[in-house]
């Protein structure tokens, strides 16, 4: 007997993923599409590979160039989404940069301003306009990408750590503000994940990568798809009683 094909849980829904050209963003955009969602791939980098990976499998997606640190750019991205697909049901505010390494007293104003601008102001701007649309709909789920650096300190990355702690605080505040209006807002806090960002940290040096693996209690780096699964769960009705949480997806890092 042929197995009964199960309906796709996100069929007819729309998901926005920022920073979706690479890494965790790409994996999450694909995961949304695989579950039937129409996906808006938003990134400042005009790379269409994520789009092609979705549409080649019959998924529905569009690419929108967006600089999340710019109010007008975010606003236009949201307007394009609603015009194209009619709603915003899920959003993963993932776009982020690591900034330059150096101690707090050595951090330049330019590095501080840019890192905070993308990682924290960018999340706030995206949430601002997503919330406005979701309020009209009476329902929606937002997941912000923080980091284990939003839960504990890391020497040599003051702007990055500050920005990610800010994302966690912003997530909790917004979750409380909008929970009675049918919106759920959470954050994921990835550990050391095999992405282009980590490749920049390690310089793709296998010895340095091994040092990161050894620092992970689980004994390996995480994969973008593992973070994507957490985002999907937080957006789905399976997490209907979960809001205001910063979920560590970190192989046990912050439990040490």
Foldseek 3Di string as FASTA:
>chain_A
DDDDDDQQQQALAEEEFEPCQWFLNLLLQQVSQVSHHEYEYEYLDPHCPSVCVRVVVPGHYDYAYAQLLDLVRLLVSLVVRCVVRNAHAEYEAEDAAQFFFDAPVPDDPVRLCVRLSRLASSVVSNCVSNVVRCLVVLAHEYEYEAAVLLVDPDGGRVSNSVSSVNVLVVQLVVQVVCVVSHYAGYYEHEAAEPIVNVCVVQVVDPVSLQVSLVLQPQNHHHYSNQVSVVSVCRSDCVCVVDHSYYHYPYNCNVVD
